[in-house]
Every structure is written in structure tokens, then in C-alpha cells.
Amino acid sequence: MSLTQAVFILLGGMAVLGALGMVTLRNLFHSALAMILALFSIAGIYVLLEAEFLAVVQVLVYVGAIAMLILFGIMLTRDIVGRASAVRNRQWPLALAVSAGLLAVLAVALVRAAWPLATYAPAQGGVADLGLALMGPYALPFEVASVLLLVAMVGALIIAREARE
């Protein structure tokens, strides 16, 4: 087993553990931390696959923005950080059976699928070409999208501030 394979297995295991922790932990804050672990692990897998741009986007967008937004939302909500929420659902046996059935179908499909090797070389210079495109012919749509996101964020802050007062 090579070092790359060992790191891939380690990162995959961490992603699975983070995902399981995200759906099984009772404390909402701990569940969000498990989500961050899973997202970081996926970013590491992207680095192993030589998709550095996707890894950076994964960390910046999902871990840096979405997960931190969820954490701040949890921490700013009153009386939710310190206690474990009592979530009871009588349908969990049905959900477990459906999940096990789906896992079985996916496992059979995974084993029976033909996995051909690519006969062509991957494209080179993806990140550099993307950067040139964003700063060249797509500079105006890129800036319009960024200004739109900024206006939406300021509007959300104003609405949240008015609701608190």
C-alpha cells in the first residue's frame, strides 16, 4: 500500500466518521463540528485527486462560510449550545430499513459496474485558465455576482437587526 492510498483511506474514514457524527450526535454544536471535520476531509481528498482549486473552494465556501454561519447561528440562539436537544422520532426503524436497503442497492451497483480506465490525459492548466477567464471575458458577471451577494448579506444583517430590536 502506498502512502497516497493510506492517506486516502485515512481521509475517507475521517469523512465517514464526521458524517456519522453529524447525524447521530445529540448536541447541535458537536454535530456542526463533526460536519466541519467531514468537509475538511473531503477537501483533503480533493488535494489527493490533484483538484487543488476544488479543495480551496471547499475550504473557503463550505468550511469557511457555510459551517461558520451555522456555528454562529447555533451560538447566537438562546439556550441551545449548552444542552442536548431531546429529539425523538418514532419512524427511525423505517428510516434505518430504507437506508439499509439503499446501501445494499448501491453496494450491488458498485460491485457490478464496469470501471473503465480513461484513455486520454486530463486537461492541463485548469486553475490558470479559470483565473484568466474570470479576469477576462467574464470579469463583469463575476463582479455583478459579488456585488449582489454583498447586497444580500447587508440586507440580511439589516433584517436581523430590526427583528432583534
N, C-alpha and C. Protein backbone atom coordinates (compact mmCIF):
# COMPACT_ATOMS: atom_id res chain seq x y z
N MET A 1 0.85 -1.18 0.00
CA MET A 1 0.00 0.00 0.00
C MET A 1 0.90 1.24 0.00
N SER A 2 0.60 2.15 -0.90
CA SER A 2 1.41 3.36 -0.99
C SER A 2 0.94 4.39 0.03
N LEU A 3 1.73 5.43 0.18
CA LEU A 3 1.39 6.50 1.12
C LEU A 3 0.11 7.21 0.69
N THR A 4 -0.06 7.42 -0.61
CA THR A 4 -1.26 8.08 -1.12
C THR A 4 -2.51 7.27 -0.78
N GLN A 5 -2.44 5.98 -0.94
CA GLN A 5 -3.59 5.13 -0.61
C GLN A 5 -3.89 5.17 0.88
N ALA A 6 -2.85 5.16 1.71
CA ALA A 6 -3.06 5.21 3.15
C ALA A 6 -3.70 6.54 3.57
N VAL A 7 -3.23 7.62 2.98
CA VAL A 7 -3.82 8.93 3.30
C VAL A 7 -5.26 9.01 2.81
N PHE A 8 -5.52 8.43 1.63
CA PHE A 8 -6.88 8.42 1.11
C PHE A 8 -7.82 7.64 2.04
N ILE A 9 -7.37 6.49 2.52
CA ILE A 9 -8.19 5.69 3.43
C ILE A 9 -8.41 6.44 4.74
N LEU A 10 -7.37 7.10 5.23
CA LEU A 10 -7.50 7.89 6.46
C LEU A 10 -8.50 9.04 6.28
N LEU A 11 -8.37 9.78 5.18
CA LEU A 11 -9.29 10.90 4.93
C LEU A 11 -10.72 10.42 4.69
N GLY A 12 -10.86 9.30 3.98
CA GLY A 12 -12.19 8.74 3.76
C GLY A 12 -12.84 8.31 5.06
N GLY A 13 -12.04 7.66 5.93
CA GLY A 13 -12.56 7.27 7.24
C GLY A 13 -12.96 8.47 8.08
N MET A 14 -12.14 9.53 8.03
CA MET A 14 -12.49 10.74 8.78
C MET A 14 -13.77 11.37 8.24
N ALA A 15 -13.94 11.36 6.92
CA ALA A 15 -15.16 11.92 6.33
C ALA A 15 -16.38 11.12 6.75
N VAL A 16 -16.26 9.80 6.75
CA VAL A 16 -17.38 8.95 7.16
C VAL A 16 -17.69 9.15 8.64
N LEU A 17 -16.65 9.21 9.48
CA LEU A 17 -16.87 9.45 10.91
C LEU A 17 -17.50 10.81 11.16
N GLY A 18 -17.05 11.82 10.42
CA GLY A 18 -17.66 13.15 10.56
C GLY A 18 -19.11 13.16 10.14
N ALA A 19 -19.41 12.46 9.05
CA ALA A 19 -20.80 12.40 8.58
C ALA A 19 -21.68 11.63 9.57
N LEU A 20 -21.16 10.53 10.10
CA LEU A 20 -21.93 9.78 11.10
C LEU A 20 -22.13 10.60 12.37
N GLY A 21 -21.09 11.31 12.79
CA GLY A 21 -21.23 12.17 13.95
C GLY A 21 -22.22 13.29 13.72
N MET A 22 -22.26 13.78 12.51
CA MET A 22 -23.17 14.87 12.19
C MET A 22 -24.63 14.45 12.34
N VAL A 23 -24.95 13.23 12.01
CA VAL A 23 -26.35 12.81 12.08
C VAL A 23 -26.71 12.06 13.35
N THR A 24 -25.70 11.66 14.15
CA THR A 24 -26.02 10.89 15.34
C THR A 24 -25.82 11.65 16.65
N LEU A 25 -24.99 12.68 16.67
CA LEU A 25 -24.76 13.41 17.92
C LEU A 25 -26.00 14.19 18.33
N ARG A 26 -26.28 14.21 19.60
CA ARG A 26 -27.47 14.89 20.12
C ARG A 26 -27.23 16.39 20.30
N ASN A 27 -26.00 16.77 20.64
CA ASN A 27 -25.69 18.18 20.83
C ASN A 27 -25.50 18.83 19.46
N LEU A 28 -26.24 19.89 19.21
CA LEU A 28 -26.23 20.54 17.90
C LEU A 28 -24.87 21.14 17.59
N PHE A 29 -24.22 21.69 18.58
CA PHE A 29 -22.90 22.29 18.38
C PHE A 29 -21.88 21.22 18.00
N HIS A 30 -21.89 20.09 18.70
CA HIS A 30 -20.98 19.00 18.36
C HIS A 30 -21.27 18.43 16.98
N SER A 31 -22.53 18.41 16.62
CA SER A 31 -22.91 17.95 15.29
C SER A 31 -22.33 18.87 14.20
N ALA A 32 -22.35 20.17 14.45
CA ALA A 32 -21.77 21.12 13.49
C ALA A 32 -20.26 20.94 13.40
N LEU A 33 -19.61 20.66 14.52
CA LEU A 33 -18.16 20.41 14.48
C LEU A 33 -17.84 19.13 13.71
N ALA A 34 -18.68 18.12 13.82
CA ALA A 34 -18.49 16.90 13.04
C ALA A 34 -18.67 17.18 11.55
N MET A 35 -19.59 18.09 11.21
CA MET A 35 -19.77 18.48 9.82
C MET A 35 -18.50 19.15 9.28
N ILE A 36 -17.87 19.98 10.10
CA ILE A 36 -16.63 20.64 9.68
C ILE A 36 -15.54 19.60 9.44
N LEU A 37 -15.45 18.59 10.30
CA LEU A 37 -14.48 17.51 10.09
C LEU A 37 -14.73 16.80 8.76
N ALA A 38 -15.97 16.50 8.46
CA ALA A 38 -16.29 15.83 7.20
C ALA A 38 -15.93 16.72 6.00
N LEU A 39 -16.21 18.00 6.09
CA LEU A 39 -15.92 18.90 4.97
C LEU A 39 -14.42 19.07 4.77
N PHE A 40 -13.66 19.17 5.87
CA PHE A 40 -12.20 19.24 5.74
C PHE A 40 -11.64 17.96 5.13
N SER A 41 -12.18 16.83 5.49
CA SER A 41 -11.71 15.56 4.95
C SER A 41 -11.95 15.48 3.45
N ILE A 42 -13.10 15.95 3.02
CA ILE A 42 -13.40 15.97 1.58
C ILE A 42 -12.42 16.89 0.85
N ALA A 43 -12.07 18.01 1.46
CA ALA A 43 -11.07 18.90 0.85
C ALA A 43 -9.73 18.19 0.72
N GLY A 44 -9.36 17.40 1.72
CA GLY A 44 -8.12 16.63 1.63
C GLY A 44 -8.16 15.61 0.51
N ILE A 45 -9.31 15.00 0.30
CA ILE A 45 -9.46 14.05 -0.80
C ILE A 45 -9.32 14.76 -2.14
N TYR A 46 -9.86 15.98 -2.23
CA TYR A 46 -9.67 16.76 -3.46
C TYR A 46 -8.19 17.04 -3.72
N VAL A 47 -7.43 17.32 -2.67
CA VAL A 47 -5.99 17.55 -2.86
C VAL A 47 -5.32 16.28 -3.38
N LEU A 48 -5.70 15.12 -2.84
CA LEU A 48 -5.13 13.87 -3.33
C LEU A 48 -5.48 13.61 -4.79
N LEU A 49 -6.63 14.06 -5.21
CA LEU A 49 -7.05 13.88 -6.60
C LEU A 49 -6.49 14.94 -7.53
N GLU A 50 -5.61 15.79 -6.99
CA GLU A 50 -4.97 16.87 -7.73
C GLU A 50 -5.98 17.88 -8.26
N ALA A 51 -7.03 18.11 -7.49
CA ALA A 51 -8.02 19.14 -7.80
C ALA A 51 -7.90 20.23 -6.74
N GLU A 52 -6.77 20.94 -6.78
CA GLU A 52 -6.47 21.92 -5.74
C GLU A 52 -7.48 23.04 -5.69
N PHE A 53 -7.99 23.45 -6.85
CA PHE A 53 -8.98 24.52 -6.86
C PHE A 53 -10.25 24.10 -6.12
N LEU A 54 -10.72 22.88 -6.37
CA LEU A 54 -11.90 22.40 -5.65
C LEU A 54 -11.63 22.30 -4.16
N ALA A 55 -10.41 21.91 -3.77
CA ALA A 55 -10.08 21.84 -2.35
C ALA A 55 -10.14 23.21 -1.70
N VAL A 56 -9.60 24.21 -2.38
CA VAL A 56 -9.62 25.57 -1.84
C VAL A 56 -11.05 26.09 -1.77
N VAL A 57 -11.84 25.83 -2.79
CA VAL A 57 -13.24 26.26 -2.78
C VAL A 57 -14.01 25.54 -1.67
N GLN A 58 -13.73 24.27 -1.47
CA GLN A 58 -14.37 23.50 -0.40
C GLN A 58 -14.09 24.14 0.96
N VAL A 59 -12.84 24.48 1.20
CA VAL A 59 -12.48 25.07 2.48
C VAL A 59 -13.05 26.47 2.63
N LEU A 60 -12.93 27.28 1.58
CA LEU A 60 -13.40 28.67 1.68
C LEU A 60 -14.91 28.77 1.76
N VAL A 61 -15.60 28.05 0.88
CA VAL A 61 -17.06 28.21 0.81
C VAL A 61 -17.77 27.39 1.88
N TYR A 62 -17.47 26.11 1.93
CA TYR A 62 -18.23 25.25 2.85
C TYR A 62 -17.75 25.35 4.29
N VAL A 63 -16.45 25.21 4.52
CA VAL A 63 -15.96 25.29 5.89
C VAL A 63 -15.91 26.73 6.35
N GLY A 64 -15.38 27.60 5.51
CA GLY A 64 -15.19 28.98 5.93
C GLY A 64 -16.46 29.80 5.99
N ALA A 65 -17.42 29.50 5.16
CA ALA A 65 -18.63 30.33 5.12
C ALA A 65 -19.84 29.60 5.69
N ILE A 66 -20.21 28.50 5.08
CA ILE A 66 -21.44 27.80 5.47
C ILE A 66 -21.34 27.25 6.88
N ALA A 67 -20.26 26.53 7.17
CA ALA A 67 -20.14 25.93 8.51
C ALA A 67 -20.02 27.00 9.59
N MET A 68 -19.28 28.07 9.32
CA MET A 68 -19.16 29.13 10.32
C MET A 68 -20.50 29.85 10.50
N LEU A 69 -21.25 30.00 9.44
CA LEU A 69 -22.59 30.59 9.56
C LEU A 69 -23.49 29.73 10.43
N ILE A 70 -23.42 28.42 10.24
CA ILE A 70 -24.21 27.51 11.07
C ILE A 70 -23.76 27.59 12.52
N LEU A 71 -22.45 27.60 12.75
CA LEU A 71 -21.94 27.69 14.12
C LEU A 71 -22.36 28.99 14.80
N PHE A 72 -22.27 30.11 14.09
CA PHE A 72 -22.70 31.38 14.67
C PHE A 72 -24.20 31.38 14.93
N GLY A 73 -24.96 30.78 14.03
CA GLY A 73 -26.40 30.68 14.24
C GLY A 73 -26.74 29.86 15.48
N ILE A 74 -25.99 28.78 15.69
CA ILE A 74 -26.21 27.96 16.87
C ILE A 74 -25.83 28.72 18.14
N MET A 75 -24.66 29.40 18.09
CA MET A 75 -24.18 30.08 19.29
C MET A 75 -25.02 31.31 19.63
N LEU A 76 -25.61 31.95 18.63
CA LEU A 76 -26.42 33.13 18.90
C LEU A 76 -27.85 32.79 19.30
N THR A 77 -28.25 31.54 19.10
CA THR A 77 -29.58 31.12 19.52
C THR A 77 -29.55 30.86 21.01
N ARG A 78 -30.51 31.36 21.71
CA ARG A 78 -30.51 31.23 23.17
C ARG A 78 -30.75 29.79 23.59
N ASP A 79 -30.05 29.39 24.64
CA ASP A 79 -30.24 28.11 25.32
C ASP A 79 -30.13 26.89 24.42
N ILE A 80 -29.29 26.96 23.39
CA ILE A 80 -29.17 25.79 22.54
C ILE A 80 -27.77 25.19 22.59
N VAL A 81 -26.77 25.97 23.02
CA VAL A 81 -25.40 25.49 23.00
C VAL A 81 -25.13 24.52 24.14
N GLY A 82 -25.60 24.82 25.33
CA GLY A 82 -25.23 24.06 26.49
C GLY A 82 -25.96 22.75 26.69
N ARG A 83 -27.08 22.56 26.08
CA ARG A 83 -27.87 21.36 26.36
C ARG A 83 -28.04 20.52 25.10
N ALA A 84 -28.24 19.26 25.32
CA ALA A 84 -28.50 18.35 24.21
C ALA A 84 -30.00 18.38 23.92
N SER A 85 -30.35 18.51 22.68
CA SER A 85 -31.76 18.57 22.32
C SER A 85 -32.37 17.18 22.37
N ALA A 86 -33.56 17.11 22.91
CA ALA A 86 -34.25 15.82 23.02
C ALA A 86 -35.07 15.59 21.76
N VAL A 87 -34.48 14.93 20.81
CA VAL A 87 -35.16 14.65 19.54
C VAL A 87 -35.63 13.21 19.58
N ARG A 88 -36.92 13.01 19.51
CA ARG A 88 -37.50 11.67 19.50
C ARG A 88 -38.30 11.52 18.20
N ASN A 89 -38.06 10.40 17.56
CA ASN A 89 -38.76 10.14 16.31
C ASN A 89 -39.12 8.67 16.29
N ARG A 90 -40.40 8.39 16.17
CA ARG A 90 -40.85 7.00 16.16
C ARG A 90 -40.64 6.33 14.81
N GLN A 91 -40.23 7.07 13.80
CA GLN A 91 -40.05 6.50 12.48
C GLN A 91 -38.61 6.05 12.22
N TRP A 92 -37.75 6.05 13.24
CA TRP A 92 -36.36 5.68 13.00
C TRP A 92 -36.18 4.25 12.54
N PRO A 93 -37.01 3.27 12.95
CA PRO A 93 -36.81 1.92 12.38
C PRO A 93 -37.08 1.89 10.87
N LEU A 94 -38.09 2.62 10.43
CA LEU A 94 -38.38 2.68 9.00
C LEU A 94 -37.24 3.38 8.25
N ALA A 95 -36.74 4.45 8.81
CA ALA A 95 -35.62 5.16 8.18
C ALA A 95 -34.38 4.28 8.12
N LEU A 96 -34.14 3.50 9.17
CA LEU A 96 -33.00 2.59 9.18
C LEU A 96 -33.16 1.51 8.11
N ALA A 97 -34.37 0.97 7.96
CA ALA A 97 -34.61 -0.06 6.95
C ALA A 97 -34.44 0.49 5.54
N VAL A 98 -34.97 1.68 5.30
CA VAL A 98 -34.83 2.29 3.97
C VAL A 98 -33.37 2.59 3.68
N SER A 99 -32.63 3.10 4.68
CA SER A 99 -31.21 3.40 4.49
C SER A 99 -30.41 2.12 4.22
N ALA A 100 -30.71 1.06 4.95
CA ALA A 100 -30.01 -0.21 4.72
C ALA A 100 -30.32 -0.76 3.32
N GLY A 101 -31.57 -0.63 2.88
CA GLY A 101 -31.92 -1.07 1.53
C GLY A 101 -31.20 -0.27 0.47
N LEU A 102 -31.12 1.04 0.66
CA LEU A 102 -30.40 1.89 -0.28
C LEU A 102 -28.92 1.55 -0.30
N LEU A 103 -28.34 1.30 0.87
CA LEU A 103 -26.94 0.91 0.94
C LEU A 103 -26.71 -0.40 0.19
N ALA A 104 -27.62 -1.36 0.34
CA ALA A 104 -27.48 -2.64 -0.36
C ALA A 104 -27.55 -2.45 -1.87
N VAL A 105 -28.49 -1.64 -2.35
CA VAL A 105 -28.62 -1.39 -3.79
C VAL A 105 -27.37 -0.70 -4.32
N LEU A 106 -26.86 0.29 -3.59
CA LEU A 106 -25.64 0.97 -4.03
C LEU A 106 -24.43 0.06 -4.01
N ALA A 107 -24.34 -0.83 -3.02
CA ALA A 107 -23.22 -1.77 -2.96
C ALA A 107 -23.26 -2.74 -4.14
N VAL A 108 -24.45 -3.23 -4.48
CA VAL A 108 -24.57 -4.13 -5.63
C VAL A 108 -24.20 -3.40 -6.91
N ALA A 109 -24.67 -2.17 -7.06
CA ALA A 109 -24.34 -1.39 -8.26
C ALA A 109 -22.85 -1.11 -8.34
N LEU A 110 -22.22 -0.86 -7.20
CA LEU A 110 -20.80 -0.59 -7.16
C LEU A 110 -19.99 -1.81 -7.57
N VAL A 111 -20.40 -2.98 -7.10
CA VAL A 111 -19.66 -4.21 -7.41
C VAL A 111 -19.86 -4.61 -8.86
N ARG A 112 -21.06 -4.45 -9.39
CA ARG A 112 -21.36 -4.91 -10.75
C ARG A 112 -20.96 -3.93 -11.84
N ALA A 113 -20.66 -2.70 -11.51
CA ALA A 113 -20.35 -1.69 -12.52
C ALA A 113 -19.00 -1.96 -13.16
N ALA A 114 -18.92 -1.69 -14.44
CA ALA A 114 -17.65 -1.77 -15.15
C ALA A 114 -16.95 -0.42 -15.00
N TRP A 115 -15.73 -0.44 -14.50
CA TRP A 115 -14.99 0.79 -14.24
C TRP A 115 -13.86 0.90 -15.26
N PRO A 116 -14.15 1.45 -16.45
CA PRO A 116 -13.09 1.55 -17.46
C PRO A 116 -12.09 2.64 -17.11
N LEU A 117 -10.85 2.43 -17.51
CA LEU A 117 -9.82 3.43 -17.31
C LEU A 117 -9.90 4.47 -18.42
N ALA A 118 -9.58 5.70 -18.07
CA ALA A 118 -9.60 6.77 -19.07
C ALA A 118 -8.48 6.54 -20.07
N THR A 119 -8.77 6.82 -21.32
CA THR A 119 -7.77 6.62 -22.37
C THR A 119 -7.15 7.94 -22.80
N TYR A 120 -7.52 9.02 -22.17
CA TYR A 120 -6.99 10.32 -22.54
C TYR A 120 -6.38 10.99 -21.30
N ALA A 121 -5.51 11.94 -21.56
CA ALA A 121 -4.85 12.66 -20.46
C ALA A 121 -5.78 13.76 -19.94
N PRO A 122 -5.74 14.04 -18.65
CA PRO A 122 -6.57 15.11 -18.12
C PRO A 122 -6.12 16.47 -18.65
N ALA A 123 -7.03 17.41 -18.63
CA ALA A 123 -6.72 18.76 -19.12
C ALA A 123 -5.69 19.41 -18.21
N GLN A 124 -4.82 20.18 -18.77
CA GLN A 124 -3.76 20.85 -18.01
C GLN A 124 -4.10 22.33 -17.84
N GLY A 125 -3.62 22.90 -16.74
CA GLY A 125 -3.77 24.34 -16.54
C GLY A 125 -5.18 24.77 -16.21
N GLY A 126 -5.95 23.99 -15.49
CA GLY A 126 -7.34 24.32 -15.22
C GLY A 126 -7.51 25.57 -14.38
N VAL A 127 -6.73 25.70 -13.31
CA VAL A 127 -6.88 26.85 -12.42
C VAL A 127 -6.42 28.12 -13.11
N ALA A 128 -5.31 28.05 -13.84
CA ALA A 128 -4.82 29.24 -14.54
C ALA A 128 -5.81 29.68 -15.61
N ASP A 129 -6.36 28.74 -16.35
CA ASP A 129 -7.35 29.09 -17.37
C ASP A 129 -8.61 29.69 -16.75
N LEU A 130 -9.02 29.15 -15.62
CA LEU A 130 -10.19 29.69 -14.93
C LEU A 130 -9.93 31.11 -14.46
N GLY A 131 -8.76 31.35 -13.89
CA GLY A 131 -8.41 32.71 -13.45
C GLY A 131 -8.38 33.69 -14.61
N LEU A 132 -7.80 33.29 -15.74
CA LEU A 132 -7.78 34.18 -16.91
C LEU A 132 -9.18 34.45 -17.44
N ALA A 133 -10.06 33.44 -17.39
CA ALA A 133 -11.43 33.63 -17.85
C ALA A 133 -12.20 34.56 -16.92
N LEU A 134 -12.00 34.41 -15.59
CA LEU A 134 -12.71 35.26 -14.65
C LEU A 134 -12.23 36.71 -14.70
N MET A 135 -10.98 36.92 -15.04
CA MET A 135 -10.47 38.28 -15.13
C MET A 135 -10.48 38.81 -16.56
N GLY A 136 -10.94 38.01 -17.50
CA GLY A 136 -11.00 38.43 -18.89
C GLY A 136 -12.44 38.65 -19.33
N PRO A 137 -12.99 37.75 -20.13
CA PRO A 137 -14.33 37.97 -20.67
C PRO A 137 -15.45 37.85 -19.63
N TYR A 138 -15.19 37.19 -18.50
CA TYR A 138 -16.24 37.02 -17.50
C TYR A 138 -16.04 37.91 -16.28
N ALA A 139 -15.26 38.96 -16.41
CA ALA A 139 -14.98 39.85 -15.27
C ALA A 139 -16.25 40.58 -14.83
N LEU A 140 -17.03 41.08 -15.76
CA LEU A 140 -18.25 41.83 -15.39
C LEU A 140 -19.28 40.93 -14.71
N PRO A 141 -19.63 39.75 -15.23
CA PRO A 141 -20.57 38.90 -14.48
C PRO A 141 -20.03 38.48 -13.11
N PHE A 142 -18.74 38.28 -13.00
CA PHE A 142 -18.13 37.92 -11.72
C PHE A 142 -18.31 39.04 -10.71
N GLU A 143 -18.07 40.27 -11.12
CA GLU A 143 -18.22 41.41 -10.22
C GLU A 143 -19.69 41.67 -9.89
N VAL A 144 -20.59 41.47 -10.84
CA VAL A 144 -22.02 41.65 -10.58
C VAL A 144 -22.49 40.63 -9.55
N ALA A 145 -22.04 39.40 -9.67
CA ALA A 145 -22.41 38.37 -8.69
C ALA A 145 -21.87 38.71 -7.31
N SER A 146 -20.65 39.22 -7.23
CA SER A 146 -20.08 39.56 -5.93
C SER A 146 -20.81 40.73 -5.29
N VAL A 147 -21.18 41.74 -6.08
CA VAL A 147 -21.94 42.87 -5.53
C VAL A 147 -23.33 42.41 -5.10
N LEU A 148 -23.97 41.53 -5.85
CA LEU A 148 -25.28 41.01 -5.48
C LEU A 148 -25.21 40.24 -4.16
N LEU A 149 -24.18 39.44 -3.98
CA LEU A 149 -24.01 38.71 -2.72
C LEU A 149 -23.75 39.67 -1.56
N LEU A 150 -23.00 40.73 -1.79
CA LEU A 150 -22.74 41.72 -0.75
C LEU A 150 -24.03 42.43 -0.35
N VAL A 151 -24.84 42.80 -1.32
CA VAL A 151 -26.12 43.47 -1.02
C VAL A 151 -27.04 42.53 -0.26
N ALA A 152 -27.08 41.27 -0.64
CA ALA A 152 -27.92 40.30 0.07
C ALA A 152 -27.46 40.12 1.52
N MET A 153 -26.14 40.10 1.74
CA MET A 153 -25.63 39.96 3.10
C MET A 153 -25.95 41.18 3.94
N VAL A 154 -25.80 42.36 3.40
CA VAL A 154 -26.14 43.58 4.14
C VAL A 154 -27.63 43.63 4.42
N GLY A 155 -28.46 43.23 3.46
CA GLY A 155 -29.90 43.19 3.69
C GLY A 155 -30.28 42.20 4.77
N ALA A 156 -29.63 41.04 4.81
CA ALA A 156 -29.92 40.06 5.86
C ALA A 156 -29.52 40.60 7.22
N LEU A 157 -28.41 41.31 7.30
CA LEU A 157 -28.00 41.91 8.57
C LEU A 157 -28.99 42.97 9.04
N ILE A 158 -29.48 43.77 8.12
CA ILE A 158 -30.46 44.80 8.48
C ILE A 158 -31.76 44.17 8.96
N ILE A 159 -32.21 43.14 8.27
CA ILE A 159 -33.45 42.46 8.68
C ILE A 159 -33.26 41.80 10.05
N ALA A 160 -32.12 41.17 10.28
CA ALA A 160 -31.87 40.52 11.57
C ALA A 160 -31.77 41.54 12.69
N ARG A 161 -31.19 42.69 12.42
CA ARG A 161 -31.06 43.72 13.44
C ARG A 161 -32.42 44.31 13.79
N GLU A 162 -33.27 44.52 12.78
CA GLU A 162 -34.61 45.07 13.04
C GLU A 162 -35.46 44.07 13.81
N ALA A 163 -35.28 42.78 13.59
CA ALA A 163 -36.07 41.78 14.28
C ALA A 163 -35.67 41.70 15.76
N ARG A 164 -34.42 41.97 16.07
CA ARG A 164 -33.97 41.91 17.45
C ARG A 164 -34.47 43.10 18.26
N GLU A 165 -34.60 44.26 17.65
CA GLU A 165 -34.99 45.49 18.38
C GLU A 165 -36.45 45.58 18.63
